[in-house]
Structures are given as C-alpha cells and as structure tokens.
Amino acid sequence: MTESPEQQPAAAPGRISRLLARITPQPRPLPLWWPLPLCAVLGTACGVSYGVLKAPEYAATSYVVAVPAQNAEPGSALGYAQAYGRIATSDSTIAYASVAAGVPDTRTLRTHVQTETSPDSPMIAITGTSTKPSQAARIANAVADAVYLSSNHISKNTGVKLLVFSQAITPTEPASPSVPIGAAVGTCAGGLIGGLVLLVRPRRTHRTRRTAPASVPAPAQGQAQHHEHNNASSERELV
C-alpha cells in the first residue's frame, strides 16, 4: 500500500533552511576603503551644486599710490600707505563712498570692499565685489576717490599725498569659481575627508579561536597504587 500525502512525514525545517541558504546569494562585506570613494562623490556633488546655484561674483581693483612731498622723507610714504589702507574701510570713508558706489547701506558696502597693501611698495589696492560687473568697478573707484580726498586734506601736515594710479574697469569674467573648479575642489576635499576617516576609525581585527582537544586526565599515583593493592588482595582470597 502506498502512503497518502497526508501520512508522509513533513520535511524537516532544518533542511529547508539549509537549502534556501545555498540558493540565496550571501551579501559580500564592504571593503575597508569604502569611505574614500563615498566622500569623494559627495564632495564632487557639493562642489557642482555650489558652482551651479551660487550667482557669479565679479571683482574690480583700483590702485592708489602714496607720494612724499619735496621736503618729506622717502620712507614716510610707505608708512602712510599702510595707514591709509587701514582707513579705506572706516565708517567715514565708506559713508562718503556709498553715494557714488550706488549702495546706500554702509554695512553692505563694507562687505564688498577689500584693501591690500604691500610692505615693499607704497601702493594700495582697493577691490570692489558685486554680482554685477559695472557695480564692482563703481564700488572700487568710489572708495579710492574717498581715500584720495580724505588724505589730501591733511597732506600739508603729513607731507604725503595720494594719487590715483589706476582706476578699476568693468570686469568681463567672474571671479567666483566655475562649475569645473568647484567640482575639482569638492572632489579633493571629499577625498581628504575620506582619508582622514580611514586613519581615525578603529581597524578590524580578525581573531581565530582554536579549540584545544579535550584531554583525559591521567589517574593519580595514589589511586593507581590503591587499585593494585585491591587486585593483589582479591587474588590472595581466590588462592
């Protein structure tokens, strides 16, 4: 007689799980260096987003030079150039230049003005920045004129006067980084962060546990002598 399907024993659940484990592919562990490419890709995406979303910014520079008077020392012009470079962004200079620059808010105008002096040359570089090319040149020239007028009012006392060496012209290309440059900078920054993560994080240690074979303890010497004594006494009784 053949057994019905209901009478046949059910398959063991252990066999089914082992069969599924063989059929289903096991996920491979990630390599140890996975933070490096991930950070590089994230940095590239951030750099590209910054280059695309940020409005281009233009910069124009005007140069002013300090000239000593006839009876003044030649080295005094260098010191006054350093001083006039510091007061180029002062409240009085910015307030005087705000009308000509077309920026009524003095706080906003101060954030768009940068000055630079050299320890070897009595020249002051005044840079104006804006999202509009014409306004960037207008800001630089307005601040340079303000410094020129304020310094020449006291030139008789200081013995040094300022001259506008070169006026700012309207820039044709933006000074802010483009999309390729932003992507390159983002990739380098992301790769650097990924390398730092690899150096800082703890390393994995693979430990293999070895099981020592179980050893049967040998009988003590006293127990062996006790068994020999019992065997000898039993043999004597049999005799």
C-alpha atoms as a PDB file:
ATOM      1  CA  MET A   1       0.000   0.000   0.000  1.00  0.00           C
ATOM      2  CA  THR A   2       1.200   3.476  -0.768  1.00  0.00           C
ATOM      3  CA  GLU A   3       1.029   6.143   1.844  1.00  0.00           C
ATOM      4  CA  SER A   4      -1.164   9.140   1.203  1.00  0.00           C
ATOM      5  CA  PRO A   5       0.397  12.634   1.095  1.00  0.00           C
ATOM      6  CA  GLU A   6      -1.146  13.321   4.471  1.00  0.00           C
ATOM      7  CA  GLN A   7       0.595  10.300   6.010  1.00  0.00           C
ATOM      8  CA  GLN A   8       4.043  11.146   4.591  1.00  0.00           C
ATOM      9  CA  PRO A   9       6.312  12.795   7.189  1.00  0.00           C
ATOM     10  CA  ALA A  10       6.786  16.531   6.779  1.00  0.00           C
ATOM     11  CA  ALA A  11      10.180  17.753   5.683  1.00  0.00           C
ATOM     12  CA  ALA A  12      12.424  18.902   8.478  1.00  0.00           C
ATOM     13  CA  PRO A  13      12.598  22.692   8.756  1.00  0.00           C
ATOM     14  CA  GLY A  14      16.351  22.474   9.059  1.00  0.00           C
ATOM     15  CA  ARG A  15      16.717  21.014   5.599  1.00  0.00           C
ATOM     16  CA  ILE A  16      14.593  23.762   4.038  1.00  0.00           C
ATOM     17  CA  SER A  17      16.629  26.497   5.701  1.00  0.00           C
ATOM     18  CA  ARG A  18      19.904  24.924   4.579  1.00  0.00           C
ATOM     19  CA  LEU A  19      18.571  24.606   1.028  1.00  0.00           C
ATOM     20  CA  LEU A  20      17.469  28.249   0.978  1.00  0.00           C
ATOM     21  CA  ALA A  21      20.866  29.305   2.338  1.00  0.00           C
ATOM     22  CA  ARG A  22      22.595  27.542  -0.537  1.00  0.00           C
ATOM     23  CA  ILE A  23      20.284  29.032  -3.193  1.00  0.00           C
ATOM     24  CA  THR A  24      20.184  32.609  -1.841  1.00  0.00           C
ATOM     25  CA  PRO A  25      23.430  34.527  -2.600  1.00  0.00           C
ATOM     26  CA  GLN A  26      25.131  35.838   0.502  1.00  0.00           C
ATOM     27  CA  PRO A  27      25.881  39.619   0.526  1.00  0.00           C
ATOM     28  CA  ARG A  28      29.555  40.419   0.361  1.00  0.00           C
ATOM     29  CA  PRO A  29      31.002  42.685   3.059  1.00  0.00           C
ATOM     30  CA  LEU A  30      32.031  46.179   2.045  1.00  0.00           C
ATOM     31  CA  PRO A  31      35.767  46.785   1.551  1.00  0.00           C
ATOM     32  CA  LEU A  32      37.683  48.642   4.217  1.00  0.00           C
ATOM     33  CA  TRP A  33      38.306  51.636   1.953  1.00  0.00           C
ATOM     34  CA  TRP A  34      34.623  52.356   1.157  1.00  0.00           C
ATOM     35  CA  PRO A  35      34.564  55.807   2.953  1.00  0.00           C
ATOM     36  CA  LEU A  36      37.129  57.193   0.480  1.00  0.00           C
ATOM     37  CA  PRO A  37      35.079  56.953  -2.763  1.00  0.00           C
ATOM     38  CA  LEU A  38      31.873  57.825  -0.927  1.00  0.00           C
ATOM     39  CA  CYS A  39      33.310  61.068   0.476  1.00  0.00           C
ATOM     40  CA  ALA A  40      34.852  61.909  -2.887  1.00  0.00           C
ATOM     41  CA  VAL A  41      31.498  61.514  -4.655  1.00  0.00           C
ATOM     42  CA  LEU A  42      29.710  63.597  -2.005  1.00  0.00           C
ATOM     43  CA  GLY A  43      32.368  66.311  -2.264  1.00  0.00           C
ATOM     44  CA  THR A  44      32.031  66.411  -6.045  1.00  0.00           C
ATOM     45  CA  ALA A  45      28.257  66.744  -5.769  1.00  0.00           C
ATOM     46  CA  CYS A  46      28.595  69.596  -3.263  1.00  0.00           C
ATOM     47  CA  GLY A  47      31.133  71.392  -5.466  1.00  0.00           C
ATOM     48  CA  VAL A  48      28.964  71.110  -8.561  1.00  0.00           C
ATOM     49  CA  SER A  49      25.888  72.292  -6.632  1.00  0.00           C
ATOM     50  CA  TYR A  50      27.792  75.289  -5.284  1.00  0.00           C
ATOM     51  CA  GLY A  51      29.016  76.268  -8.750  1.00  0.00           C
ATOM     52  CA  VAL A  52      25.552  75.948 -10.276  1.00  0.00           C
ATOM     53  CA  LEU A  53      23.420  77.541  -7.554  1.00  0.00           C
ATOM     54  CA  LYS A  54      25.696  80.392  -6.465  1.00  0.00           C
ATOM     55  CA  ALA A  55      25.399  83.574  -8.512  1.00  0.00           C
ATOM     56  CA  PRO A  56      28.658  84.601 -10.240  1.00  0.00           C
ATOM     57  CA  GLU A  57      30.570  87.345  -8.431  1.00  0.00           C
ATOM     58  CA  TYR A  58      32.740  89.931 -10.184  1.00  0.00           C
ATOM     59  CA  ALA A  59      35.738  91.827  -8.809  1.00  0.00           C
ATOM     60  CA  ALA A  60      37.376  95.076  -9.935  1.00  0.00           C
ATOM     61  CA  THR A  61      40.503  96.677  -8.441  1.00  0.00           C
ATOM     62  CA  SER A  62      41.611 100.308  -8.252  1.00  0.00           C
ATOM     63  CA  TYR A  63      45.175 101.290  -7.260  1.00  0.00           C
ATOM     64  CA  VAL A  64      46.214 104.319  -5.207  1.00  0.00           C
ATOM     65  CA  VAL A  65      49.864 105.258  -4.567  1.00  0.00           C
ATOM     66  CA  ALA A  66      51.321 107.398  -1.784  1.00  0.00           C
ATOM     67  CA  VAL A  67      53.819 110.063  -2.902  1.00  0.00           C
ATOM     68  CA  PRO A  68      56.021 112.027  -0.452  1.00  0.00           C
ATOM     69  CA  ALA A  69      56.366 115.809  -0.694  1.00  0.00           C
ATOM     70  CA  GLN A  70      59.621 117.517  -1.617  1.00  0.00           C
ATOM     71  CA  ASN A  71      60.833 118.051   1.935  1.00  0.00           C
ATOM     72  CA  ALA A  72      59.475 114.772   3.322  1.00  0.00           C
ATOM     73  CA  GLU A  73      61.445 111.582   3.856  1.00  0.00           C
ATOM     74  CA  PRO A  74      61.067 108.968   1.104  1.00  0.00           C
ATOM     75  CA  GLY A  75      60.340 106.218   3.621  1.00  0.00           C
ATOM     76  CA  SER A  76      57.379 108.076   5.112  1.00  0.00           C
ATOM     77  CA  ALA A  77      55.216 107.301   2.080  1.00  0.00           C
ATOM     78  CA  LEU A  78      55.415 103.580   2.819  1.00  0.00           C
ATOM     79  CA  GLY A  79      54.179 104.043   6.374  1.00  0.00           C
ATOM     80  CA  TYR A  80      51.305 106.325   5.344  1.00  0.00           C
ATOM     81  CA  ALA A  81      50.289 103.862   2.636  1.00  0.00           C
ATOM     82  CA  GLN A  82      49.835 101.218   5.311  1.00  0.00           C
ATOM     83  CA  ALA A  83      47.756 103.624   7.413  1.00  0.00           C
ATOM     84  CA  TYR A  84      45.555 104.766   4.523  1.00  0.00           C
ATOM     85  CA  GLY A  85      44.985 101.145   3.561  1.00  0.00           C
ATOM     86  CA  ARG A  86      43.522 100.510   7.013  1.00  0.00           C
ATOM     87  CA  ILE A  87      41.186 103.515   6.963  1.00  0.00           C
ATOM     88  CA  ALA A  88      39.868 102.695   3.491  1.00  0.00           C
ATOM     89  CA  THR A  89      37.114 100.624   5.111  1.00  0.00           C
ATOM     90  CA  SER A  90      36.447 103.017   8.004  1.00  0.00           C
ATOM     91  CA  ASP A  91      32.993 104.443   8.682  1.00  0.00           C
ATOM     92  CA  SER A  92      33.774 107.910   7.329  1.00  0.00           C
ATOM     93  CA  THR A  93      35.308 106.609   4.092  1.00  0.00           C
ATOM     94  CA  ILE A  94      32.518 104.115   3.454  1.00  0.00           C
ATOM     95  CA  ALA A  95      29.825 106.705   4.217  1.00  0.00           C
ATOM     96  CA  TYR A  96      31.396 109.151   1.754  1.00  0.00           C
ATOM     97  CA  ALA A  97      31.717 106.485  -0.968  1.00  0.00           C
ATOM     98  CA  SER A  98      28.235 104.962  -0.538  1.00  0.00           C
ATOM     99  CA  VAL A  99      26.524 107.581  -2.733  1.00  0.00           C
ATOM    100  CA  ALA A 100      28.963 107.261  -5.633  1.00  0.00           C
ATOM    101  CA  ALA A 101      29.021 103.467  -5.320  1.00  0.00           C
ATOM    102  CA  GLY A 102      25.235 103.221  -5.526  1.00  0.00           C
ATOM    103  CA  VAL A 103      24.990 101.242  -2.247  1.00  0.00           C
ATOM    104  CA  PRO A 104      23.224 103.334   0.411  1.00  0.00           C
ATOM    105  CA  ASP A 105      23.698 100.755   3.179  1.00  0.00           C
ATOM    106  CA  THR A 106      27.198 101.236   4.607  1.00  0.00           C
ATOM    107  CA  ARG A 107      27.255  97.779   6.212  1.00  0.00           C
ATOM    108  CA  THR A 108      26.532  96.117   2.894  1.00  0.00           C
ATOM    109  CA  LEU A 109      29.115  98.266   1.130  1.00  0.00           C
ATOM    110  CA  ARG A 110      31.819  97.377   3.676  1.00  0.00           C
ATOM    111  CA  THR A 111      31.328  93.663   2.975  1.00  0.00           C
ATOM    112  CA  HIS A 112      32.001  94.307  -0.744  1.00  0.00           C
ATOM    113  CA  VAL A 113      35.275  96.208  -0.253  1.00  0.00           C
ATOM    114  CA  GLN A 114      38.718  94.704   0.299  1.00  0.00           C
ATOM    115  CA  THR A 115      42.036  96.539   0.635  1.00  0.00           C
ATOM    116  CA  GLU A 116      45.566  95.221   0.294  1.00  0.00           C
ATOM    117  CA  THR A 117      48.911  96.900   0.945  1.00  0.00           C
ATOM    118  CA  SER A 118      52.472  95.800   0.344  1.00  0.00           C
ATOM    119  CA  PRO A 119      55.357  96.177   2.836  1.00  0.00           C
ATOM    120  CA  ASP A 120      57.735  96.970  -0.037  1.00  0.00           C
ATOM    121  CA  SER A 121      55.645  99.409  -2.092  1.00  0.00           C
ATOM    122  CA  PRO A 122      53.574 102.487  -1.097  1.00  0.00           C
ATOM    123  CA  MET A 123      50.604 101.292  -3.151  1.00  0.00           C
ATOM    124  CA  ILE A 124      47.072 100.474  -2.000  1.00  0.00           C
ATOM    125  CA  ALA A 125      44.874  98.023  -3.910  1.00  0.00           C
ATOM    126  CA  ILE A 126      41.145  98.607  -3.372  1.00  0.00           C
ATOM    127  CA  THR A 127      38.918  95.808  -4.703  1.00  0.00           C
ATOM    128  CA  GLY A 128      35.161  96.002  -5.101  1.00  0.00           C
ATOM    129  CA  THR A 129      32.999  92.895  -5.486  1.00  0.00           C
ATOM    130  CA  SER A 130      29.431  92.538  -6.726  1.00  0.00           C
ATOM    131  CA  THR A 131      27.178  90.256  -8.711  1.00  0.00           C
ATOM    132  CA  LYS A 132      27.101  92.975 -11.403  1.00  0.00           C
ATOM    133  CA  PRO A 133      30.353  93.803 -13.253  1.00  0.00           C
ATOM    134  CA  SER A 134      29.663  97.532 -13.560  1.00  0.00           C
ATOM    135  CA  GLN A 135      28.787  97.889  -9.893  1.00  0.00           C
ATOM    136  CA  ALA A 136      32.015  96.141  -8.837  1.00  0.00           C
ATOM    137  CA  ALA A 137      34.075  98.734 -10.740  1.00  0.00           C
ATOM    138  CA  ARG A 138      31.922 101.549  -9.386  1.00  0.00           C
ATOM    139  CA  ILE A 139      32.479 100.430  -5.784  1.00  0.00           C
ATOM    140  CA  ALA A 140      36.263 100.224  -6.198  1.00  0.00           C
ATOM    141  CA  ASN A 141      36.526 103.655  -7.811  1.00  0.00           C
ATOM    142  CA  ALA A 142      34.205 105.282  -5.253  1.00  0.00           C
ATOM    143  CA  VAL A 143      36.261 104.037  -2.283  1.00  0.00           C
ATOM    144  CA  ALA A 144      39.533 105.007  -3.997  1.00  0.00           C
ATOM    145  CA  ASP A 145      38.234 108.548  -4.572  1.00  0.00           C
ATOM    146  CA  ALA A 146      37.102 108.784  -0.957  1.00  0.00           C
ATOM    147  CA  VAL A 147      40.545 107.791   0.333  1.00  0.00           C
ATOM    148  CA  TYR A 148      42.187 110.185  -2.119  1.00  0.00           C
ATOM    149  CA  LEU A 149      40.130 113.181  -0.971  1.00  0.00           C
ATOM    150  CA  SER A 150      40.396 112.467   2.753  1.00  0.00           C
ATOM    151  CA  SER A 151      44.182 112.007   2.631  1.00  0.00           C
ATOM    152  CA  ASN A 152      44.891 115.091   0.550  1.00  0.00           C
ATOM    153  CA  HIS A 153      43.012 117.295   3.011  1.00  0.00           C
ATOM    154  CA  ILE A 154      45.798 116.700   5.526  1.00  0.00           C
ATOM    155  CA  SER A 155      48.694 116.316   3.079  1.00  0.00           C
ATOM    156  CA  LYS A 156      50.256 119.596   4.281  1.00  0.00           C
ATOM    157  CA  ASN A 157      50.553 118.169   7.779  1.00  0.00           C
ATOM    158  CA  THR A 158      51.659 114.663   6.813  1.00  0.00           C
ATOM    159  CA  GLY A 159      53.907 115.547   3.881  1.00  0.00           C
ATOM    160  CA  VAL A 160      52.411 112.666   1.879  1.00  0.00           C
ATOM    161  CA  LYS A 161      49.675 112.824  -0.707  1.00  0.00           C
ATOM    162  CA  LEU A 162      47.801 110.093  -2.560  1.00  0.00           C
ATOM    163  CA  LEU A 163      47.435 109.763  -6.308  1.00  0.00           C
ATOM    164  CA  VAL A 164      45.047 107.507  -8.193  1.00  0.00           C
ATOM    165  CA  PHE A 165      47.471 105.257 -10.024  1.00  0.00           C
ATOM    166  CA  SER A 166      44.913 103.150 -11.926  1.00  0.00           C
ATOM    167  CA  GLN A 167      41.127 103.177 -11.914  1.00  0.00           C
ATOM    168  CA  ALA A 168      39.065  99.995 -11.889  1.00  0.00           C
ATOM    169  CA  ILE A 169      37.499  98.870 -15.143  1.00  0.00           C
ATOM    170  CA  THR A 170      34.429  96.722 -15.658  1.00  0.00           C
ATOM    171  CA  PRO A 171      35.430  93.032 -15.438  1.00  0.00           C
ATOM    172  CA  THR A 172      34.433  90.640 -18.186  1.00  0.00           C
ATOM    173  CA  GLU A 173      34.783  87.341 -16.323  1.00  0.00           C
ATOM    174  CA  PRO A 174      33.531  86.399 -12.849  1.00  0.00           C
ATOM    175  CA  ALA A 175      35.989  85.953 -10.016  1.00  0.00           C
ATOM    176  CA  SER A 176      33.958  83.236  -8.300  1.00  0.00           C
ATOM    177  CA  PRO A 177      34.897  79.604  -9.059  1.00  0.00           C
ATOM    178  CA  SER A 178      33.196  77.977 -12.043  1.00  0.00           C
ATOM    179  CA  VAL A 179      31.468  74.598 -12.053  1.00  0.00           C
ATOM    180  CA  PRO A 180      34.582  72.552 -13.083  1.00  0.00           C
ATOM    181  CA  ILE A 181      36.718  74.285 -10.474  1.00  0.00           C
ATOM    182  CA  GLY A 182      34.036  73.771  -7.811  1.00  0.00           C
ATOM    183  CA  ALA A 183      33.785  70.081  -8.737  1.00  0.00           C
ATOM    184  CA  ALA A 184      37.566  69.655  -8.544  1.00  0.00           C
ATOM    185  CA  VAL A 185      37.769  71.409  -5.178  1.00  0.00           C
ATOM    186  CA  GLY A 186      34.849  69.359  -3.841  1.00  0.00           C
ATOM    187  CA  THR A 187      36.445  66.102  -5.000  1.00  0.00           C
ATOM    188  CA  CYS A 188      39.759  66.943  -3.342  1.00  0.00           C
ATOM    189  CA  ALA A 189      38.047  67.983  -0.119  1.00  0.00           C
ATOM    190  CA  GLY A 190      35.896  64.844  -0.079  1.00  0.00           C
ATOM    191  CA  GLY A 191      38.892  62.610  -0.743  1.00  0.00           C
ATOM    192  CA  LEU A 192      40.802  64.303   2.070  1.00  0.00           C
ATOM    193  CA  ILE A 193      37.917  63.788   4.492  1.00  0.00           C
ATOM    194  CA  GLY A 194      37.588  60.147   3.428  1.00  0.00           C
ATOM    195  CA  GLY A 195      41.307  59.588   4.015  1.00  0.00           C
ATOM    196  CA  LEU A 196      41.042  61.125   7.471  1.00  0.00           C
ATOM    197  CA  VAL A 197      38.101  58.839   8.254  1.00  0.00           C
ATOM    198  CA  LEU A 198      40.185  55.810   7.268  1.00  0.00           C
ATOM    199  CA  LEU A 199      43.005  56.948   9.544  1.00  0.00           C
ATOM    200  CA  VAL A 200      40.838  57.780  12.540  1.00  0.00           C
ATOM    201  CA  ARG A 201      38.387  54.886  12.640  1.00  0.00           C
ATOM    202  CA  PRO A 202      39.392  51.692  14.515  1.00  0.00           C
ATOM    203  CA  ARG A 203      40.716  48.841  12.422  1.00  0.00           C
ATOM    204  CA  ARG A 204      39.086  45.453  12.261  1.00  0.00           C
ATOM    205  CA  THR A 205      40.897  42.584  13.997  1.00  0.00           C
ATOM    206  CA  HIS A 206      40.286  39.034  12.857  1.00  0.00           C
ATOM    207  CA  ARG A 207      40.642  36.643  15.765  1.00  0.00           C
ATOM    208  CA  THR A 208      40.525  32.912  15.205  1.00  0.00           C
ATOM    209  CA  ARG A 209      39.521  30.826  18.159  1.00  0.00           C
ATOM    210  CA  ARG A 210      41.204  27.469  18.340  1.00  0.00           C
ATOM    211  CA  THR A 211      39.605  24.769  20.417  1.00  0.00           C
ATOM    212  CA  ALA A 212      42.123  22.583  22.186  1.00  0.00           C
ATOM    213  CA  PRO A 213      41.380  18.852  22.098  1.00  0.00           C
ATOM    214  CA  ALA A 214      39.912  17.546  25.284  1.00  0.00           C
ATOM    215  CA  SER A 215      42.498  15.580  27.208  1.00  0.00           C
ATOM    216  CA  VAL A 216      41.602  12.806  29.596  1.00  0.00           C
ATOM    217  CA  PRO A 217      43.254  13.372  32.972  1.00  0.00           C
ATOM    218  CA  ALA A 218      45.614  10.613  33.963  1.00  0.00           C
ATOM    219  CA  PRO A 219      44.864   8.815  37.259  1.00  0.00           C
ATOM    220  CA  ALA A 220      46.836   9.977  40.197  1.00  0.00           C
ATOM    221  CA  GLN A 221      49.681   7.855  41.505  1.00  0.00           C
ATOM    222  CA  GLY A 222      47.918   7.126  44.761  1.00  0.00           C
ATOM    223  CA  GLN A 223      44.796   5.879  43.000  1.00  0.00           C
ATOM    224  CA  ALA A 224      46.896   3.524  40.841  1.00  0.00           C
ATOM    225  CA  GLN A 225      48.592   2.012  43.901  1.00  0.00           C
ATOM    226  CA  HIS A 226      45.198   1.588  45.588  1.00  0.00           C
ATOM    227  CA  HIS A 227      43.856  -0.372  42.584  1.00  0.00           C
ATOM    228  CA  GLU A 228      46.972  -2.597  42.531  1.00  0.00           C
ATOM    229  CA  HIS A 229      46.565  -3.324  46.257  1.00  0.00           C
ATOM    230  CA  ASN A 230      42.918  -4.303  45.786  1.00  0.00           C
ATOM    231  CA  ASN A 231      43.774  -6.579  42.872  1.00  0.00           C
ATOM    232  CA  ALA A 232      46.512  -8.331  44.893  1.00  0.00           C
ATOM    233  CA  SER A 233      44.214  -8.905  47.884  1.00  0.00           C
ATOM    234  CA  SER A 234      41.474 -10.326  45.666  1.00  0.00           C
ATOM    235  CA  GLU A 235      43.942 -12.780  44.097  1.00  0.00           C
ATOM    236  CA  ARG A 236      45.045 -13.956  47.553  1.00  0.00           C
ATOM    237  CA  GLU A 237      41.459 -14.658  48.578  1.00  0.00           C
ATOM    238  CA  LEU A 238      40.908 -16.750  45.477  1.00  0.00           C
ATOM    239  CA  VAL A 239      44.007 -18.808  46.201  1.00  0.00           C
END
